[in-house]
Amino acid sequence: MQLRLCLFFLSLCLLPSLSASAAGAPRAVQPPATTPSTPASSTTTPSETNFTFQYSNDSDGVTSRGMKMTDANTGRPLTYTFYYTRLGQKFQPDITEKTLVFKWVRPLAKEANLTVWGGYLKNDLRSFVPGAVMYDKSVSDTQHVWLSAGRESIGTIPANRQGLFRRSVSSAYQWKTAPGAYLSVNADHWFYSDQNREQQYQLSYKKQLSSRFDLSAVYSYHDAKFESPGIYWVPQQEQTFSIAPRYSMPLGDGTLSLTLQKALWAKNKDGSLTHHEVDINYHSGHFTTGFHFLRDGDYNSRNYTLDYRLFL
């Protein structure tokens, strides 16, 4: 059975194009993030730490249970994230993985930033040193660009056993075409240690239609070139055109957000396919809960999260 790609690096980088899915986690199409935070002034603010608990499973028999602790003090140039993950896979013994990653942000001249990630990963099968560097710059009041490169572990159990990893090169551009409207372009290339290659290109447009409702349209092309048999799965010649309405509403003391991403047209090298995603999130005070469901052809996954913000 071919297994979906599972990477540890899913939430380290500010560019969603750098992100990759954890076991069972969604491969969602997202526009680039907003301008990365820069160190604040000397004003004293409460120390903030985020705790995220996650469980996911998919139709390939991959499960992931984990905890993430993040230093969320964006006013500091150096922050950290610690991951503890239990990864399971059908017909394979579970493995435990621990990862510590540091993030350093240095503001540059002319509204630019340099961001560097580095850390250490250790599980029952191997150790690995991930890393990434990103340069981002505000070209104007309405335009922003990102350029990045990094190396990432491949988190399926067979890939860990063989010590596989991949390098990435990514770029993104975002243009605020009007108040509440954004046009985004992403280009991503991945180079695997077993000589395989992958690339993805995305074009998206998002419009805020009201304080509660926004609508996105996304075109994506995703392909891979195999020089050797892969023990992971990536799309080949996959093209999708999707719309994604999102509605937010007050509920109790918090806010409920519902998103449905539906492919109006989708195909790959084998023909047409079904692709849709559902996101449900609820935020109240220091707590946020989330559920994500993905169906892509004959593959499906479910991801559950609970996030708590602690102020000291």
Protein backbone atom coordinates (compact mmCIF):
# COMPACT_ATOMS: atom_id res chain seq x y z
CA MET A 1 0.00 0.00 0.00
CA GLN A 2 1.33 3.40 -0.90
CA LEU A 3 1.32 5.83 2.01
CA ARG A 4 0.60 9.52 2.03
CA LEU A 5 3.56 11.78 2.71
CA CYS A 6 4.04 12.54 6.39
CA LEU A 7 6.44 15.32 7.33
CA PHE A 8 7.45 16.69 10.69
CA PHE A 9 7.83 20.24 9.37
CA LEU A 10 4.10 20.94 8.95
CA SER A 11 3.79 23.98 11.17
CA LEU A 12 7.24 25.50 11.52
CA CYS A 13 7.34 27.81 8.54
CA LEU A 14 5.25 30.89 7.92
CA LEU A 15 4.78 29.96 4.29
CA PRO A 16 2.00 27.38 4.00
CA SER A 17 3.70 26.26 0.81
CA LEU A 18 6.53 25.00 3.00
CA SER A 19 4.11 23.01 5.08
CA ALA A 20 3.43 19.37 4.52
CA SER A 21 0.86 17.11 6.02
CA ALA A 22 1.30 15.01 9.08
CA ALA A 23 -0.13 11.53 9.11
CA GLY A 24 -3.76 11.95 8.25
CA ALA A 25 -3.52 15.73 8.24
CA PRO A 26 -4.97 17.76 5.38
CA ARG A 27 -3.05 18.81 2.30
CA ALA A 28 -5.02 22.04 2.18
CA VAL A 29 -4.44 24.84 -0.27
CA GLN A 30 -3.87 28.11 1.54
CA PRO A 31 -2.76 31.59 0.53
CA PRO A 32 0.57 32.86 1.87
CA ALA A 33 0.67 34.00 5.47
CA THR A 34 0.67 37.64 6.43
CA THR A 35 3.88 39.51 7.04
CA PRO A 36 5.95 37.70 9.69
CA SER A 37 6.13 39.36 13.08
CA THR A 38 9.12 41.50 13.90
CA PRO A 39 10.60 42.09 17.34
CA ALA A 40 8.50 44.60 19.23
CA SER A 41 9.57 47.54 21.31
CA SER A 42 10.73 47.22 24.91
CA THR A 43 7.16 47.42 26.23
CA THR A 44 6.60 44.58 28.71
CA THR A 45 3.99 42.04 27.61
CA PRO A 46 2.79 38.82 29.25
CA SER A 47 4.74 35.69 28.36
CA GLU A 48 2.63 33.39 26.15
CA THR A 49 2.99 29.65 25.57
CA ASN A 50 0.72 27.66 23.25
CA PHE A 51 -0.10 23.99 23.87
CA THR A 52 -1.63 22.00 20.99
CA PHE A 53 -2.93 18.43 21.28
CA GLN A 54 -3.57 16.58 18.03
CA TYR A 55 -4.95 13.26 16.79
CA SER A 56 -5.28 12.19 13.18
CA ASN A 57 -5.96 9.06 11.14
CA ASP A 58 -6.38 8.23 7.48
CA SER A 59 -7.54 5.54 5.08
CA ASP A 60 -3.95 4.32 4.58
CA GLY A 61 -3.86 3.16 8.20
CA VAL A 62 -1.58 5.97 9.43
CA THR A 63 -2.32 7.52 12.83
CA SER A 64 -0.66 10.35 14.72
CA ARG A 65 -1.09 11.44 18.33
CA GLY A 66 0.93 14.36 19.51
CA MET A 67 1.53 17.42 21.65
CA LYS A 68 3.19 20.67 20.58
CA MET A 69 4.43 23.36 22.94
CA THR A 70 5.30 26.71 21.34
CA ASP A 71 6.87 29.84 22.74
CA ALA A 72 4.38 32.31 21.21
CA ASN A 73 6.15 35.51 22.26
CA THR A 74 6.47 37.00 18.79
CA GLY A 75 8.15 40.10 20.18
CA ARG A 76 11.28 38.06 20.91
CA PRO A 77 13.81 37.37 18.14
CA LEU A 78 14.40 33.78 19.35
CA THR A 79 11.54 31.35 20.12
CA TYR A 80 11.18 27.57 20.30
CA THR A 81 8.74 24.76 19.56
CA PHE A 82 8.78 21.29 21.13
CA TYR A 83 6.93 18.33 19.58
CA TYR A 84 6.10 14.95 21.11
CA THR A 85 4.49 12.59 18.59
CA ARG A 86 3.38 8.96 18.60
CA LEU A 87 3.22 7.72 15.01
CA GLY A 88 1.39 4.54 14.05
CA GLN A 89 1.01 2.71 10.79
CA LYS A 90 -0.82 -0.43 9.70
CA PHE A 91 1.34 -3.56 10.02
CA GLN A 92 4.14 -1.54 11.65
CA PRO A 93 5.09 -1.07 15.32
CA ASP A 94 4.44 2.45 16.62
CA ILE A 95 7.32 4.87 17.07
CA THR A 96 7.75 7.84 19.41
CA GLU A 97 9.32 11.05 18.12
CA LYS A 98 10.61 14.12 19.98
CA THR A 99 11.63 17.31 18.21
CA LEU A 100 12.98 20.64 19.44
CA VAL A 101 13.13 23.53 16.94
CA PHE A 102 14.37 27.08 17.44
CA LYS A 103 13.20 30.01 15.32
CA TRP A 104 15.18 33.23 14.97
CA VAL A 105 13.82 36.36 13.27
CA ARG A 106 16.01 39.30 12.28
CA PRO A 107 14.39 42.46 10.85
CA LEU A 108 16.24 43.90 7.86
CA ALA A 109 16.10 47.27 6.14
CA LYS A 110 13.16 48.32 3.96
CA GLU A 111 10.46 46.18 5.65
CA ALA A 112 12.23 42.86 5.16
CA ASN A 113 12.87 39.94 7.52
CA LEU A 114 15.27 37.02 7.68
CA THR A 115 13.93 33.95 9.52
CA VAL A 116 16.02 30.88 10.38
CA TRP A 117 14.80 27.57 11.82
CA GLY A 118 17.05 24.84 13.23
CA GLY A 119 16.57 21.92 15.56
CA TYR A 120 16.98 18.26 16.39
CA LEU A 121 14.64 15.31 15.86
CA LYS A 122 14.97 11.95 17.60
CA ASN A 123 12.69 8.91 17.29
CA ASP A 124 12.95 5.16 17.84
CA LEU A 125 14.51 4.63 14.40
CA ARG A 126 16.82 7.58 13.77
CA SER A 127 17.86 11.15 14.50
CA PHE A 128 17.71 14.09 12.09
CA VAL A 129 18.64 17.78 11.96
CA PRO A 130 15.93 19.86 10.21
CA GLY A 131 16.49 23.44 9.15
CA ALA A 132 15.15 26.24 6.97
CA VAL A 133 15.82 29.84 6.05
CA MET A 134 13.30 32.37 4.72
CA TYR A 135 13.54 35.90 3.40
CA ASP A 136 10.38 37.98 3.16
CA LYS A 137 9.85 41.57 2.09
CA SER A 138 7.02 44.06 1.68
CA VAL A 139 7.44 45.29 -1.87
CA SER A 140 4.78 47.95 -1.30
CA ASP A 141 1.82 48.62 0.98
CA THR A 142 -0.15 45.99 -0.96
CA GLN A 143 2.47 43.43 -2.06
CA HIS A 144 4.62 40.92 -0.19
CA VAL A 145 7.08 38.22 -1.32
CA TRP A 146 8.64 35.18 0.40
CA LEU A 147 11.67 33.08 -0.60
CA SER A 148 12.72 30.00 1.39
CA ALA A 149 14.79 26.82 1.42
CA GLY A 150 15.01 23.98 3.92
CA ARG A 151 15.46 20.30 4.70
CA GLU A 152 12.69 18.16 6.22
CA SER A 153 12.27 14.62 7.52
CA ILE A 154 9.76 12.26 5.94
CA GLY A 155 7.64 10.96 8.77
CA THR A 156 6.25 7.62 7.58
CA ILE A 157 7.69 4.69 9.49
CA PRO A 158 9.31 3.02 6.42
CA ALA A 159 10.88 6.36 5.42
CA ASN A 160 12.28 6.77 8.93
CA ARG A 161 13.67 3.25 8.80
CA GLN A 162 15.50 4.08 5.56
CA GLY A 163 16.60 7.54 6.76
CA LEU A 164 14.92 9.45 3.92
CA PHE A 165 14.52 13.23 3.87
CA ARG A 166 13.84 15.99 1.34
CA ARG A 167 15.10 19.48 0.54
CA SER A 168 12.71 22.26 -0.41
CA VAL A 169 12.85 25.51 -2.36
CA SER A 170 9.75 27.71 -2.24
CA SER A 171 8.55 31.15 -3.26
CA ALA A 172 5.29 33.04 -2.79
CA TYR A 173 3.78 36.36 -3.73
CA GLN A 174 0.70 38.08 -2.29
CA TRP A 175 -1.02 41.16 -3.67
CA LYS A 176 -3.78 43.00 -1.85
CA THR A 177 -5.84 43.97 -4.87
CA ALA A 178 -8.55 45.80 -2.87
CA PRO A 179 -9.66 46.08 0.77
CA GLY A 180 -10.30 42.51 1.93
CA ALA A 181 -9.15 40.96 -1.40
CA TYR A 182 -5.90 39.04 -1.97
CA LEU A 183 -4.28 37.40 -5.00
CA SER A 184 -1.62 34.81 -4.12
CA VAL A 185 0.87 32.74 -6.12
CA ASN A 186 2.95 29.86 -4.68
CA ALA A 187 5.69 27.74 -6.29
CA ASP A 188 7.23 24.81 -4.41
CA HIS A 189 9.91 22.29 -5.37
CA TRP A 190 11.05 19.31 -3.28
CA PHE A 191 14.10 17.12 -3.86
CA TYR A 192 14.12 13.74 -2.11
CA SER A 193 17.20 11.93 -0.86
CA ASP A 194 16.20 8.89 -2.98
CA GLN A 195 16.48 11.11 -6.13
CA ASN A 196 12.72 11.62 -6.59
CA ARG A 197 11.32 15.13 -7.19
CA GLU A 198 8.03 16.91 -6.55
CA GLN A 199 6.61 20.28 -7.51
CA GLN A 200 3.42 22.24 -6.85
CA TYR A 201 2.08 25.53 -8.21
CA GLN A 202 -0.94 27.38 -6.79
CA LEU A 203 -2.89 30.45 -7.79
CA SER A 204 -5.58 31.68 -5.38
CA TYR A 205 -7.89 34.65 -4.91
CA LYS A 206 -9.62 35.45 -1.63
CA LYS A 207 -12.35 38.05 -1.08
CA GLN A 208 -13.81 39.19 2.25
CA LEU A 209 -17.48 39.66 1.40
CA SER A 210 -18.62 40.65 4.90
CA SER A 211 -17.41 40.59 8.49
CA ARG A 212 -18.55 36.94 8.72
CA PHE A 213 -18.16 35.56 5.19
CA ASP A 214 -15.27 35.23 2.74
CA LEU A 215 -14.80 33.23 -0.46
CA SER A 216 -11.63 31.79 -2.02
CA ALA A 217 -10.97 30.33 -5.46
CA VAL A 218 -7.86 28.17 -5.95
CA TYR A 219 -6.15 26.51 -8.92
CA SER A 220 -3.44 23.96 -8.10
CA TYR A 221 -1.08 21.81 -10.17
CA HIS A 222 0.84 19.05 -8.35
CA ASP A 223 3.25 16.57 -9.93
CA ALA A 224 6.14 14.26 -9.08
CA LYS A 225 8.99 12.60 -11.00
CA PHE A 226 10.15 9.20 -9.78
CA GLU A 227 13.71 8.09 -10.47
CA SER A 228 13.39 5.24 -7.95
CA PRO A 229 10.39 3.46 -6.35
CA GLY A 230 9.01 5.63 -3.55
CA ILE A 231 7.76 4.33 -0.19
CA TYR A 232 5.58 7.44 0.13
CA TRP A 233 2.73 8.85 -1.96
CA VAL A 234 2.59 12.17 -3.78
CA PRO A 235 0.16 13.33 -6.52
CA GLN A 236 1.13 12.90 -10.15
CA GLN A 237 -0.17 15.32 -12.79
CA GLU A 238 -2.94 16.38 -10.41
CA GLN A 239 -4.89 19.54 -11.23
CA THR A 240 -7.74 21.02 -9.20
CA PHE A 241 -9.89 24.11 -9.32
CA SER A 242 -11.71 24.69 -6.03
CA ILE A 243 -13.88 27.21 -4.27
CA ALA A 244 -13.78 27.59 -0.50
CA PRO A 245 -16.49 29.61 1.27
CA ARG A 246 -15.86 30.34 4.95
CA TYR A 247 -18.51 31.55 7.40
CA SER A 248 -17.90 32.74 10.98
CA MET A 249 -20.57 33.32 13.59
CA PRO A 250 -20.68 34.11 17.33
CA LEU A 251 -21.56 31.15 19.51
CA GLY A 252 -21.71 31.48 23.27
CA ASP A 253 -18.59 33.29 24.44
CA GLY A 254 -16.64 32.42 21.29
CA THR A 255 -16.67 32.21 17.50
CA LEU A 256 -17.52 29.22 15.30
CA SER A 257 -15.90 29.10 11.85
CA LEU A 258 -17.02 26.73 9.06
CA THR A 259 -15.09 26.23 5.79
CA LEU A 260 -15.95 23.94 2.87
CA GLN A 261 -13.43 23.57 0.06
CA LYS A 262 -14.97 21.82 -2.95
CA ALA A 263 -13.21 20.99 -6.20
CA LEU A 264 -15.36 22.02 -9.14
CA TRP A 265 -12.87 20.26 -11.41
CA ALA A 266 -10.14 17.77 -10.45
CA LYS A 267 -8.11 15.18 -12.31
CA ASN A 268 -4.77 13.38 -12.24
CA LYS A 269 -2.87 11.07 -14.58
CA ASP A 270 -5.48 8.36 -14.04
CA GLY A 271 -8.52 10.53 -14.80
CA SER A 272 -11.05 12.60 -12.87
CA LEU A 273 -11.28 12.45 -9.09
CA THR A 274 -13.25 13.79 -6.14
CA HIS A 275 -11.65 16.36 -3.87
CA HIS A 276 -13.22 18.23 -0.96
CA GLU A 277 -12.31 19.41 2.52
CA VAL A 278 -14.25 20.51 5.59
CA ASP A 279 -12.88 22.69 8.41
CA ILE A 280 -14.73 23.37 11.68
CA ASN A 281 -13.08 25.57 14.30
CA TYR A 282 -14.32 27.06 17.56
CA HIS A 283 -12.41 29.72 19.49
CA SER A 284 -13.29 30.97 22.98
CA GLY A 285 -10.91 32.76 25.31
CA HIS A 286 -7.68 30.81 25.59
CA PHE A 287 -9.10 27.68 23.90
CA THR A 288 -9.40 26.72 20.23
CA THR A 289 -10.72 23.39 18.95
CA GLY A 290 -10.63 22.21 15.36
CA PHE A 291 -11.69 19.37 13.05
CA HIS A 292 -10.54 18.84 9.47
CA PHE A 293 -11.77 16.24 6.99
CA LEU A 294 -10.18 15.61 3.59
CA ARG A 295 -11.24 13.41 0.72
CA ASP A 296 -8.95 13.13 -2.29
CA GLY A 297 -9.97 10.38 -4.68
CA ASP A 298 -10.07 7.13 -2.70
CA TYR A 299 -8.08 8.67 0.15
CA ASN A 300 -9.59 10.32 3.23
CA SER A 301 -8.27 11.67 6.52
CA ARG A 302 -9.52 13.23 9.76
CA ASN A 303 -7.58 15.59 12.02
CA TYR A 304 -8.62 16.80 15.50
CA THR A 305 -6.86 19.57 17.46
CA LEU A 306 -7.19 21.32 20.81
CA ASP A 307 -5.15 24.44 21.45
CA TYR A 308 -4.67 26.28 24.75
CA ARG A 309 -2.88 29.62 25.21
CA LEU A 310 -1.20 30.10 28.59
CA PHE A 311 -0.20 33.62 29.73
CA LEU A 312 2.31 34.10 32.54
